[in-house]
Amino acid sequence: MQTKPNWNCGLTRIMDALSGKWVLQVFWNISQNEPIRFNQLQREVKGITKIMLTRSLDSLIQNELILKEDFKTWPLHTQYSLTNKGKELLNLLMSLNGWGKENL
């Protein structure tokens, strides 16, 4: 019996990067509204708290799926968009979505 995730498996790594209640929803909303600011993103993802949005964004940034751009203005202006890696993942998710609609 295996006790640790198989980190050599790409699917395991993808599932880990997108795990959690909100991460995939945040990723999807960024892809549909990019670039998007924090408060707009919070309005788009119904029911998410600021803390959970921040954690989800941090996870996506750490996995290099989204880019956070800070503008040196007051009040602080920050926006989020997909990285090239995130756009590649989006294409794969769109294919999975199509397969799911047809087969499940």
PDB file of N, CA and C in Angstrom:
ATOM      1  N   MET A   1       0.845  -1.176   0.000  1.00  0.00           N
ATOM      2  CA  MET A   1       0.000   0.000   0.000  1.00  0.00           C
ATOM      3  C   MET A   1       0.891   1.239   0.000  1.00  0.00           C
ATOM      4  N   GLN A   2       0.560   2.181  -0.855  1.00  0.00           N
ATOM      5  CA  GLN A   2       1.354   3.398  -0.976  1.00  0.00           C
ATOM      6  C   GLN A   2       0.866   4.430   0.032  1.00  0.00           C
ATOM      7  N   THR A   3       1.784   5.059   0.754  1.00  0.00           N
ATOM      8  CA  THR A   3       1.390   6.027   1.768  1.00  0.00           C
ATOM      9  C   THR A   3       1.604   7.466   1.322  1.00  0.00           C
ATOM     10  N   LYS A   4       2.463   7.689   0.331  1.00  0.00           N
ATOM     11  CA  LYS A   4       2.721   9.030  -0.187  1.00  0.00           C
ATOM     12  C   LYS A   4       2.177   9.132  -1.598  1.00  0.00           C
ATOM     13  N   PRO A   5       1.740  10.330  -1.994  1.00  0.00           N
ATOM     14  CA  PRO A   5       1.291  10.475  -3.381  1.00  0.00           C
ATOM     15  C   PRO A   5       2.435  10.176  -4.339  1.00  0.00           C
ATOM     16  N   ASN A   6       2.091   9.681  -5.497  1.00  0.00           N
ATOM     17  CA  ASN A   6       3.080   9.405  -6.525  1.00  0.00           C
ATOM     18  C   ASN A   6       3.386  10.701  -7.268  1.00  0.00           C
ATOM     19  N   TRP A   7       4.417  11.425  -6.806  1.00  0.00           N
ATOM     20  CA  TRP A   7       4.740  12.730  -7.390  1.00  0.00           C
ATOM     21  C   TRP A   7       5.349  12.616  -8.766  1.00  0.00           C
ATOM     22  N   ASN A   8       5.675  11.393  -9.207  1.00  0.00           N
ATOM     23  CA  ASN A   8       6.164  11.202 -10.564  1.00  0.00           C
ATOM     24  C   ASN A   8       5.014  11.125 -11.557  1.00  0.00           C
ATOM     25  N   CYS A   9       3.806  11.004 -11.048  1.00  0.00           N
ATOM     26  CA  CYS A   9       2.619  10.930 -11.889  1.00  0.00           C
ATOM     27  C   CYS A   9       2.109  12.347 -12.151  1.00  0.00           C
ATOM     28  N   GLY A  10       2.046  12.734 -13.410  1.00  0.00           N
ATOM     29  CA  GLY A  10       1.596  14.074 -13.768  1.00  0.00           C
ATOM     30  C   GLY A  10       0.166  14.353 -13.335  1.00  0.00           C
ATOM     31  N   LEU A  11      -0.698  13.357 -13.439  1.00  0.00           N
ATOM     32  CA  LEU A  11      -2.089  13.542 -13.046  1.00  0.00           C
ATOM     33  C   LEU A  11      -2.201  13.834 -11.557  1.00  0.00           C
ATOM     34  N   THR A  12      -1.404  13.153 -10.751  1.00  0.00           N
ATOM     35  CA  THR A  12      -1.401  13.414  -9.313  1.00  0.00           C
ATOM     36  C   THR A  12      -0.986  14.849  -9.031  1.00  0.00           C
ATOM     37  N   ARG A  13       0.004  15.330  -9.749  1.00  0.00           N
ATOM     38  CA  ARG A  13       0.477  16.699  -9.544  1.00  0.00           C
ATOM     39  C   ARG A  13      -0.581  17.724  -9.961  1.00  0.00           C
ATOM     40  N   ILE A  14      -1.279  17.462 -11.058  1.00  0.00           N
ATOM     41  CA  ILE A  14      -2.341  18.372 -11.497  1.00  0.00           C
ATOM     42  C   ILE A  14      -3.468  18.394 -10.472  1.00  0.00           C
ATOM     43  N   MET A  15      -3.876  17.210 -10.023  1.00  0.00           N
ATOM     44  CA  MET A  15      -4.963  17.134  -9.050  1.00  0.00           C
ATOM     45  C   MET A  15      -4.589  17.842  -7.756  1.00  0.00           C
ATOM     46  N   ASP A  16      -3.331  17.736  -7.347  1.00  0.00           N
ATOM     47  CA  ASP A  16      -2.875  18.431  -6.142  1.00  0.00           C
ATOM     48  C   ASP A  16      -2.914  19.946  -6.355  1.00  0.00           C
ATOM     49  N   ALA A  17      -2.495  20.399  -7.523  1.00  0.00           N
ATOM     50  CA  ALA A  17      -2.472  21.843  -7.812  1.00  0.00           C
ATOM     51  C   ALA A  17      -3.873  22.439  -7.858  1.00  0.00           C
ATOM     52  N   LEU A  18      -4.861  21.653  -8.260  1.00  0.00           N
ATOM     53  CA  LEU A  18      -6.228  22.159  -8.404  1.00  0.00           C
ATOM     54  C   LEU A  18      -7.159  21.675  -7.298  1.00  0.00           C
ATOM     55  N   SER A  19      -6.598  21.037  -6.272  1.00  0.00           N
ATOM     56  CA  SER A  19      -7.445  20.508  -5.204  1.00  0.00           C
ATOM     57  C   SER A  19      -7.942  21.628  -4.304  1.00  0.00           C
ATOM     58  N   GLY A  20      -8.961  21.338  -3.584  1.00  0.00           N
ATOM     59  CA  GLY A  20      -9.571  22.329  -2.708  1.00  0.00           C
ATOM     60  C   GLY A  20     -10.905  22.770  -3.285  1.00  0.00           C
ATOM     61  N   LYS A  21     -11.742  23.257  -2.426  1.00  0.00           N
ATOM     62  CA  LYS A  21     -13.098  23.622  -2.819  1.00  0.00           C
ATOM     63  C   LYS A  21     -13.128  24.759  -3.829  1.00  0.00           C
ATOM     64  N   TRP A  22     -12.214  25.708  -3.721  1.00  0.00           N
ATOM     65  CA  TRP A  22     -12.319  26.941  -4.492  1.00  0.00           C
ATOM     66  C   TRP A  22     -11.304  27.108  -5.617  1.00  0.00           C
ATOM     67  N   VAL A  23     -10.217  26.379  -5.600  1.00  0.00           N
ATOM     68  CA  VAL A  23      -9.103  26.646  -6.511  1.00  0.00           C
ATOM     69  C   VAL A  23      -9.529  26.583  -7.978  1.00  0.00           C
ATOM     70  N   LEU A  24     -10.238  25.545  -8.359  1.00  0.00           N
ATOM     71  CA  LEU A  24     -10.648  25.401  -9.753  1.00  0.00           C
ATOM     72  C   LEU A  24     -11.638  26.499 -10.153  1.00  0.00           C
ATOM     73  N   GLN A  25     -12.534  26.871  -9.247  1.00  0.00           N
ATOM     74  CA  GLN A  25     -13.477  27.950  -9.543  1.00  0.00           C
ATOM     75  C   GLN A  25     -12.759  29.284  -9.729  1.00  0.00           C
ATOM     76  N   VAL A  26     -11.768  29.540  -8.895  1.00  0.00           N
ATOM     77  CA  VAL A  26     -10.976  30.770  -9.011  1.00  0.00           C
ATOM     78  C   VAL A  26     -10.222  30.760 -10.339  1.00  0.00           C
ATOM     79  N   PHE A  27      -9.577  29.639 -10.648  1.00  0.00           N
ATOM     80  CA  PHE A  27      -8.843  29.511 -11.909  1.00  0.00           C
ATOM     81  C   PHE A  27      -9.764  29.771 -13.092  1.00  0.00           C
ATOM     82  N   TRP A  28     -10.929  29.145 -13.091  1.00  0.00           N
ATOM     83  CA  TRP A  28     -11.882  29.287 -14.189  1.00  0.00           C
ATOM     84  C   TRP A  28     -12.336  30.743 -14.336  1.00  0.00           C
ATOM     85  N   ASN A  29     -12.655  31.392 -13.233  1.00  0.00           N
ATOM     86  CA  ASN A  29     -13.117  32.779 -13.299  1.00  0.00           C
ATOM     87  C   ASN A  29     -12.029  33.717 -13.788  1.00  0.00           C
ATOM     88  N   ILE A  30     -10.795  33.470 -13.420  1.00  0.00           N
ATOM     89  CA  ILE A  30      -9.701  34.289 -13.947  1.00  0.00           C
ATOM     90  C   ILE A  30      -9.609  34.093 -15.453  1.00  0.00           C
ATOM     91  N   SER A  31      -9.724  32.854 -15.903  1.00  0.00           N
ATOM     92  CA  SER A  31      -9.609  32.578 -17.345  1.00  0.00           C
ATOM     93  C   SER A  31     -10.724  33.250 -18.143  1.00  0.00           C
ATOM     94  N   GLN A  32     -11.882  33.406 -17.548  1.00  0.00           N
ATOM     95  CA  GLN A  32     -13.021  33.987 -18.262  1.00  0.00           C
ATOM     96  C   GLN A  32     -13.076  35.513 -18.183  1.00  0.00           C
ATOM     97  N   ASN A  33     -12.328  36.102 -17.261  1.00  0.00           N
ATOM     98  CA  ASN A  33     -12.420  37.549 -17.023  1.00  0.00           C
ATOM     99  C   ASN A  33     -11.065  38.236 -16.976  1.00  0.00           C
ATOM    100  N   GLU A  34     -10.013  37.614 -17.515  1.00  0.00           N
ATOM    101  CA  GLU A  34      -8.680  38.181 -17.326  1.00  0.00           C
ATOM    102  C   GLU A  34      -8.446  39.434 -18.152  1.00  0.00           C
ATOM    103  N   PRO A  35      -7.677  40.377 -17.647  1.00  0.00           N
ATOM    104  CA  PRO A  35      -7.193  40.423 -16.272  1.00  0.00           C
ATOM    105  C   PRO A  35      -8.330  40.800 -15.334  1.00  0.00           C
ATOM    106  N   ILE A  36      -8.247  40.337 -14.113  1.00  0.00           N
ATOM    107  CA  ILE A  36      -9.319  40.567 -13.145  1.00  0.00           C
ATOM    108  C   ILE A  36      -8.722  41.006 -11.820  1.00  0.00           C
ATOM    109  N   ARG A  37      -9.405  41.925 -11.173  1.00  0.00           N
ATOM    110  CA  ARG A  37      -8.952  42.430  -9.881  1.00  0.00           C
ATOM    111  C   ARG A  37      -9.545  41.580  -8.758  1.00  0.00           C
ATOM    112  N   PHE A  38      -8.924  41.676  -7.574  1.00  0.00           N
ATOM    113  CA  PHE A  38      -9.293  40.849  -6.425  1.00  0.00           C
ATOM    114  C   PHE A  38     -10.775  40.980  -6.090  1.00  0.00           C
ATOM    115  N   ASN A  39     -11.265  42.197  -5.922  1.00  0.00           N
ATOM    116  CA  ASN A  39     -12.665  42.378  -5.507  1.00  0.00           C
ATOM    117  C   ASN A  39     -13.647  41.892  -6.562  1.00  0.00           C
ATOM    118  N   GLN A  40     -13.322  42.094  -7.832  1.00  0.00           N
ATOM    119  CA  GLN A  40     -14.190  41.583  -8.890  1.00  0.00           C
ATOM    120  C   GLN A  40     -14.199  40.058  -8.859  1.00  0.00           C
ATOM    121  N   LEU A  41     -13.039  39.468  -8.633  1.00  0.00           N
ATOM    122  CA  LEU A  41     -12.944  38.018  -8.554  1.00  0.00           C
ATOM    123  C   LEU A  41     -13.765  37.475  -7.389  1.00  0.00           C
ATOM    124  N   GLN A  42     -13.721  38.167  -6.260  1.00  0.00           N
ATOM    125  CA  GLN A  42     -14.512  37.730  -5.111  1.00  0.00           C
ATOM    126  C   GLN A  42     -16.011  37.805  -5.413  1.00  0.00           C
ATOM    127  N   ARG A  43     -16.434  38.803  -6.176  1.00  0.00           N
ATOM    128  CA  ARG A  43     -17.853  38.886  -6.558  1.00  0.00           C
ATOM    129  C   ARG A  43     -18.243  37.766  -7.528  1.00  0.00           C
ATOM    130  N   GLU A  44     -17.315  37.391  -8.395  1.00  0.00           N
ATOM    131  CA  GLU A  44     -17.592  36.356  -9.396  1.00  0.00           C
ATOM    132  C   GLU A  44     -17.697  34.960  -8.776  1.00  0.00           C
ATOM    133  N   VAL A  45     -16.889  34.681  -7.769  1.00  0.00           N
ATOM    134  CA  VAL A  45     -16.888  33.361  -7.127  1.00  0.00           C
ATOM    135  C   VAL A  45     -17.818  33.445  -5.920  1.00  0.00           C
ATOM    136  N   LYS A  46     -19.046  33.101  -6.142  1.00  0.00           N
ATOM    137  CA  LYS A  46     -20.086  33.238  -5.117  1.00  0.00           C
ATOM    138  C   LYS A  46     -19.775  32.407  -3.877  1.00  0.00           C
ATOM    139  N   GLY A  47     -19.816  33.070  -2.704  1.00  0.00           N
ATOM    140  CA  GLY A  47     -19.666  32.379  -1.438  1.00  0.00           C
ATOM    141  C   GLY A  47     -18.244  32.275  -0.907  1.00  0.00           C
ATOM    142  N   ILE A  48     -17.264  32.694  -1.671  1.00  0.00           N
ATOM    143  CA  ILE A  48     -15.881  32.570  -1.221  1.00  0.00           C
ATOM    144  C   ILE A  48     -15.539  33.714  -0.267  1.00  0.00           C
ATOM    145  N   THR A  49     -14.789  33.410   0.775  1.00  0.00           N
ATOM    146  CA  THR A  49     -14.346  34.441   1.704  1.00  0.00           C
ATOM    147  C   THR A  49     -13.028  35.035   1.197  1.00  0.00           C
ATOM    148  N   LYS A  50     -12.659  36.189   1.748  1.00  0.00           N
ATOM    149  CA  LYS A  50     -11.392  36.813   1.357  1.00  0.00           C
ATOM    150  C   LYS A  50     -10.210  35.911   1.686  1.00  0.00           C
ATOM    151  N   ILE A  51     -10.275  35.245   2.831  1.00  0.00           N
ATOM    152  CA  ILE A  51      -9.179  34.359   3.234  1.00  0.00           C
ATOM    153  C   ILE A  51      -9.043  33.194   2.256  1.00  0.00           C
ATOM    154  N   MET A  52     -10.152  32.570   1.902  1.00  0.00           N
ATOM    155  CA  MET A  52     -10.085  31.430   0.983  1.00  0.00           C
ATOM    156  C   MET A  52      -9.687  31.875  -0.418  1.00  0.00           C
ATOM    157  N   LEU A  53     -10.123  33.059  -0.828  1.00  0.00           N
ATOM    158  CA  LEU A  53      -9.700  33.578  -2.128  1.00  0.00           C
ATOM    159  C   LEU A  53      -8.201  33.821  -2.133  1.00  0.00           C
ATOM    160  N   THR A  54      -7.692  34.422  -1.069  1.00  0.00           N
ATOM    161  CA  THR A  54      -6.255  34.677  -0.959  1.00  0.00           C
ATOM    162  C   THR A  54      -5.467  33.371  -0.988  1.00  0.00           C
ATOM    163  N   ARG A  55      -5.912  32.365  -0.256  1.00  0.00           N
ATOM    164  CA  ARG A  55      -5.229  31.072  -0.234  1.00  0.00           C
ATOM    165  C   ARG A  55      -5.259  30.404  -1.607  1.00  0.00           C
ATOM    166  N   SER A  56      -6.403  30.477  -2.271  1.00  0.00           N
ATOM    167  CA  SER A  56      -6.522  29.877  -3.601  1.00  0.00           C
ATOM    168  C   SER A  56      -5.602  30.576  -4.598  1.00  0.00           C
ATOM    169  N   LEU A  57      -5.573  31.901  -4.538  1.00  0.00           N
ATOM    170  CA  LEU A  57      -4.700  32.660  -5.424  1.00  0.00           C
ATOM    171  C   LEU A  57      -3.236  32.343  -5.148  1.00  0.00           C
ATOM    172  N   ASP A  58      -2.869  32.267  -3.871  1.00  0.00           N
ATOM    173  CA  ASP A  58      -1.485  31.932  -3.512  1.00  0.00           C
ATOM    174  C   ASP A  58      -1.081  30.565  -4.070  1.00  0.00           C
ATOM    175  N   SER A  59      -1.984  29.603  -3.980  1.00  0.00           N
ATOM    176  CA  SER A  59      -1.709  28.265  -4.500  1.00  0.00           C
ATOM    177  C   SER A  59      -1.516  28.296  -6.012  1.00  0.00           C
ATOM    178  N   LEU A  60      -2.371  29.004  -6.707  1.00  0.00           N
ATOM    179  CA  LEU A  60      -2.265  29.096  -8.162  1.00  0.00           C
ATOM    180  C   LEU A  60      -1.001  29.841  -8.595  1.00  0.00           C
ATOM    181  N   ILE A  61      -0.633  30.863  -7.829  1.00  0.00           N
ATOM    182  CA  ILE A  61       0.608  31.597  -8.119  1.00  0.00           C
ATOM    183  C   ILE A  61       1.812  30.697  -7.884  1.00  0.00           C
ATOM    184  N   GLN A  62       1.804  29.974  -6.759  1.00  0.00           N
ATOM    185  CA  GLN A  62       2.909  29.080  -6.425  1.00  0.00           C
ATOM    186  C   GLN A  62       3.103  28.013  -7.498  1.00  0.00           C
ATOM    187  N   ASN A  63       2.013  27.533  -8.071  1.00  0.00           N
ATOM    188  CA  ASN A  63       2.084  26.526  -9.129  1.00  0.00           C
ATOM    189  C   ASN A  63       2.286  27.139 -10.507  1.00  0.00           C
ATOM    190  N   GLU A  64       2.493  28.450 -10.548  1.00  0.00           N
ATOM    191  CA  GLU A  64       2.771  29.202 -11.773  1.00  0.00           C
ATOM    192  C   GLU A  64       1.671  29.078 -12.816  1.00  0.00           C
ATOM    193  N   LEU A  65       0.418  29.010 -12.340  1.00  0.00           N
ATOM    194  CA  LEU A  65      -0.726  28.931 -13.244  1.00  0.00           C
ATOM    195  C   LEU A  65      -1.345  30.299 -13.478  1.00  0.00           C
ATOM    196  N   ILE A  66      -1.170  31.211 -12.520  1.00  0.00           N
ATOM    197  CA  ILE A  66      -1.639  32.573 -12.701  1.00  0.00           C
ATOM    198  C   ILE A  66      -0.512  33.540 -12.345  1.00  0.00           C
ATOM    199  N   LEU A  67      -0.680  34.757 -12.828  1.00  0.00           N
ATOM    200  CA  LEU A  67       0.288  35.815 -12.583  1.00  0.00           C
ATOM    201  C   LEU A  67      -0.402  36.927 -11.805  1.00  0.00           C
ATOM    202  N   LYS A  68       0.250  37.387 -10.758  1.00  0.00           N
ATOM    203  CA  LYS A  68      -0.239  38.515  -9.971  1.00  0.00           C
ATOM    204  C   LYS A  68       0.572  39.729 -10.380  1.00  0.00           C
ATOM    205  N   GLU A  69      -0.126  40.772 -10.781  1.00  0.00           N
ATOM    206  CA  GLU A  69       0.547  42.002 -11.188  1.00  0.00           C
ATOM    207  C   GLU A  69       0.133  43.126 -10.247  1.00  0.00           C
ATOM    208  N   ASP A  70       1.107  43.670  -9.543  1.00  0.00           N
ATOM    209  CA  ASP A  70       0.868  44.782  -8.625  1.00  0.00           C
ATOM    210  C   ASP A  70       1.239  46.083  -9.317  1.00  0.00           C
ATOM    211  N   PHE A  71       0.341  47.053  -9.229  1.00  0.00           N
ATOM    212  CA  PHE A  71       0.615  48.375  -9.765  1.00  0.00           C
ATOM    213  C   PHE A  71       0.960  49.278  -8.587  1.00  0.00           C
ATOM    214  N   LYS A  72       1.921  50.103  -8.756  1.00  0.00           N
ATOM    215  CA  LYS A  72       2.403  50.979  -7.682  1.00  0.00           C
ATOM    216  C   LYS A  72       1.505  52.222  -7.587  1.00  0.00           C
ATOM    217  N   THR A  73       0.282  51.997  -7.184  1.00  0.00           N
ATOM    218  CA  THR A  73      -0.689  53.088  -7.045  1.00  0.00           C
ATOM    219  C   THR A  73      -1.309  53.028  -5.662  1.00  0.00           C
ATOM    220  N   TRP A  74      -1.965  54.113  -5.296  1.00  0.00           N
ATOM    221  CA  TRP A  74      -2.744  54.124  -4.071  1.00  0.00           C
ATOM    222  C   TRP A  74      -4.151  54.548  -4.410  1.00  0.00           C
ATOM    223  N   PRO A  75      -5.168  53.798  -4.088  1.00  0.00           N
ATOM    224  CA  PRO A  75      -5.117  52.521  -3.373  1.00  0.00           C
ATOM    225  C   PRO A  75      -4.485  51.432  -4.246  1.00  0.00           C
ATOM    226  N   LEU A  76      -4.039  50.368  -3.578  1.00  0.00           N
ATOM    227  CA  LEU A  76      -3.351  49.279  -4.248  1.00  0.00           C
ATOM    228  C   LEU A  76      -4.214  48.698  -5.364  1.00  0.00           C
ATOM    229  N   HIS A  77      -3.612  48.508  -6.498  1.00  0.00           N
ATOM    230  CA  HIS A  77      -4.288  47.929  -7.664  1.00  0.00           C
ATOM    231  C   HIS A  77      -3.532  46.666  -8.033  1.00  0.00           C
ATOM    232  N   THR A  78      -4.199  45.538  -7.895  1.00  0.00           N
ATOM    233  CA  THR A  78      -3.612  44.240  -8.218  1.00  0.00           C
ATOM    234  C   THR A  78      -4.552  43.522  -9.166  1.00  0.00           C
ATOM    235  N   GLN A  79      -3.983  42.895 -10.176  1.00  0.00           N
ATOM    236  CA  GLN A  79      -4.822  42.110 -11.074  1.00  0.00           C
ATOM    237  C   GLN A  79      -4.172  40.762 -11.356  1.00  0.00           C
ATOM    238  N   TYR A  80      -4.993  39.820 -11.761  1.00  0.00           N
ATOM    239  CA  TYR A  80      -4.570  38.446 -11.975  1.00  0.00           C
ATOM    240  C   TYR A  80      -4.910  38.012 -13.391  1.00  0.00           C
ATOM    241  N   SER A  81      -4.024  37.227 -13.975  1.00  0.00           N
ATOM    242  CA  SER A  81      -4.248  36.670 -15.304  1.00  0.00           C
ATOM    243  C   SER A  81      -3.544  35.313 -15.388  1.00  0.00           C
ATOM    244  N   LEU A  82      -3.875  34.558 -16.425  1.00  0.00           N
ATOM    245  CA  LEU A  82      -3.264  33.250 -16.601  1.00  0.00           C
ATOM    246  C   LEU A  82      -1.852  33.395 -17.160  1.00  0.00           C
ATOM    247  N   THR A  83      -0.969  32.523 -16.715  1.00  0.00           N
ATOM    248  CA  THR A  83       0.351  32.416 -17.312  1.00  0.00           C
ATOM    249  C   THR A  83       0.227  31.537 -18.561  1.00  0.00           C
ATOM    250  N   ASN A  84       1.294  31.399 -19.310  1.00  0.00           N
ATOM    251  CA  ASN A  84       1.264  30.488 -20.462  1.00  0.00           C
ATOM    252  C   ASN A  84       0.977  29.060 -20.008  1.00  0.00           C
ATOM    253  N   LYS A  85       1.550  28.686 -18.879  1.00  0.00           N
ATOM    254  CA  LYS A  85       1.301  27.352 -18.320  1.00  0.00           C
ATOM    255  C   LYS A  85      -0.183  27.209 -17.959  1.00  0.00           C
ATOM    256  N   GLY A  86      -0.771  28.250 -17.393  1.00  0.00           N
ATOM    257  CA  GLY A  86      -2.187  28.235 -17.053  1.00  0.00           C
ATOM    258  C   GLY A  86      -3.070  28.131 -18.283  1.00  0.00           C
ATOM    259  N   LYS A  87      -2.675  28.806 -19.371  1.00  0.00           N
ATOM    260  CA  LYS A  87      -3.450  28.729 -20.622  1.00  0.00           C
ATOM    261  C   LYS A  87      -3.396  27.322 -21.213  1.00  0.00           C
ATOM    262  N   GLU A  88      -2.240  26.679 -21.109  1.00  0.00           N
ATOM    263  CA  GLU A  88      -2.126  25.295 -21.574  1.00  0.00           C
ATOM    264  C   GLU A  88      -3.048  24.385 -20.760  1.00  0.00           C
ATOM    265  N   LEU A  89      -3.046  24.583 -19.446  1.00  0.00           N
ATOM    266  CA  LEU A  89      -3.915  23.786 -18.579  1.00  0.00           C
ATOM    267  C   LEU A  89      -5.381  24.052 -18.906  1.00  0.00           C
ATOM    268  N   LEU A  90      -5.731  25.293 -19.182  1.00  0.00           N
ATOM    269  CA  LEU A  90      -7.113  25.628 -19.533  1.00  0.00           C
ATOM    270  C   LEU A  90      -7.562  24.841 -20.755  1.00  0.00           C
ATOM    271  N   ASN A  91      -6.701  24.734 -21.766  1.00  0.00           N
ATOM    272  CA  ASN A  91      -7.049  23.954 -22.966  1.00  0.00           C
ATOM    273  C   ASN A  91      -7.330  22.503 -22.610  1.00  0.00           C
ATOM    274  N   LEU A  92      -6.524  21.942 -21.728  1.00  0.00           N
ATOM    275  CA  LEU A  92      -6.751  20.561 -21.300  1.00  0.00           C
ATOM    276  C   LEU A  92      -8.061  20.426 -20.527  1.00  0.00           C
ATOM    277  N   LEU A  93      -8.334  21.388 -19.650  1.00  0.00           N
ATOM    278  CA  LEU A  93      -9.576  21.347 -18.877  1.00  0.00           C
ATOM    279  C   LEU A  93     -10.795  21.483 -19.778  1.00  0.00           C
ATOM    280  N   MET A  94     -10.679  22.280 -20.830  1.00  0.00           N
ATOM    281  CA  MET A  94     -11.787  22.423 -21.781  1.00  0.00           C
ATOM    282  C   MET A  94     -12.051  21.089 -22.488  1.00  0.00           C
ATOM    283  N   SER A  95     -10.990  20.372 -22.832  1.00  0.00           N
ATOM    284  CA  SER A  95     -11.145  19.046 -23.442  1.00  0.00           C
ATOM    285  C   SER A  95     -11.796  18.073 -22.472  1.00  0.00           C
ATOM    286  N   LEU A  96     -11.352  18.090 -21.218  1.00  0.00           N
ATOM    287  CA  LEU A  96     -11.972  17.232 -20.203  1.00  0.00           C
ATOM    288  C   LEU A  96     -13.434  17.587 -19.999  1.00  0.00           C
ATOM    289  N   ASN A  97     -13.751  18.873 -20.022  1.00  0.00           N
ATOM    290  CA  ASN A  97     -15.123  19.322 -19.870  1.00  0.00           C
ATOM    291  C   ASN A  97     -15.997  18.752 -20.997  1.00  0.00           C
ATOM    292  N   GLY A  98     -15.509  18.842 -22.206  1.00  0.00           N
ATOM    293  CA  GLY A  98     -16.252  18.301 -23.346  1.00  0.00           C
ATOM    294  C   GLY A  98     -16.469  16.794 -23.236  1.00  0.00           C
ATOM    295  N   TRP A  99     -15.400  16.095 -22.842  1.00  0.00           N
ATOM    296  CA  TRP A  99     -15.512  14.648 -22.663  1.00  0.00           C
ATOM    297  C   TRP A  99     -16.519  14.324 -21.576  1.00  0.00           C
ATOM    298  N   GLY A 100     -16.477  15.057 -20.479  1.00  0.00           N
ATOM    299  CA  GLY A 100     -17.397  14.820 -19.371  1.00  0.00           C
ATOM    300  C   GLY A 100     -18.851  15.023 -19.758  1.00  0.00           C
ATOM    301  N   LYS A 101     -19.098  16.077 -20.530  1.00  0.00           N
ATOM    302  CA  LYS A 101     -20.471  16.352 -20.967  1.00  0.00           C
ATOM    303  C   LYS A 101     -21.010  15.234 -21.850  1.00  0.00           C
ATOM    304  N   GLU A 102     -20.153  14.667 -22.687  1.00  0.00           N
ATOM    305  CA  GLU A 102     -20.588  13.633 -23.610  1.00  0.00           C
ATOM    306  C   GLU A 102     -20.649  12.248 -22.984  1.00  0.00           C
ATOM    307  N   ASN A 103     -19.827  11.988 -21.987  1.00  0.00           N
ATOM    308  CA  ASN A 103     -19.681  10.617 -21.500  1.00  0.00           C
ATOM    309  C   ASN A 103     -20.141  10.354 -20.087  1.00  0.00           C
ATOM    310  N   LEU A 104     -20.363  11.380 -19.292  1.00  0.00           N
ATOM    311  CA  LEU A 104     -20.751  11.142 -17.912  1.00  0.00           C
ATOM    312  C   LEU A 104     -22.111  11.743 -17.598  1.00  0.00           C
TER     313      LEU A 104
END
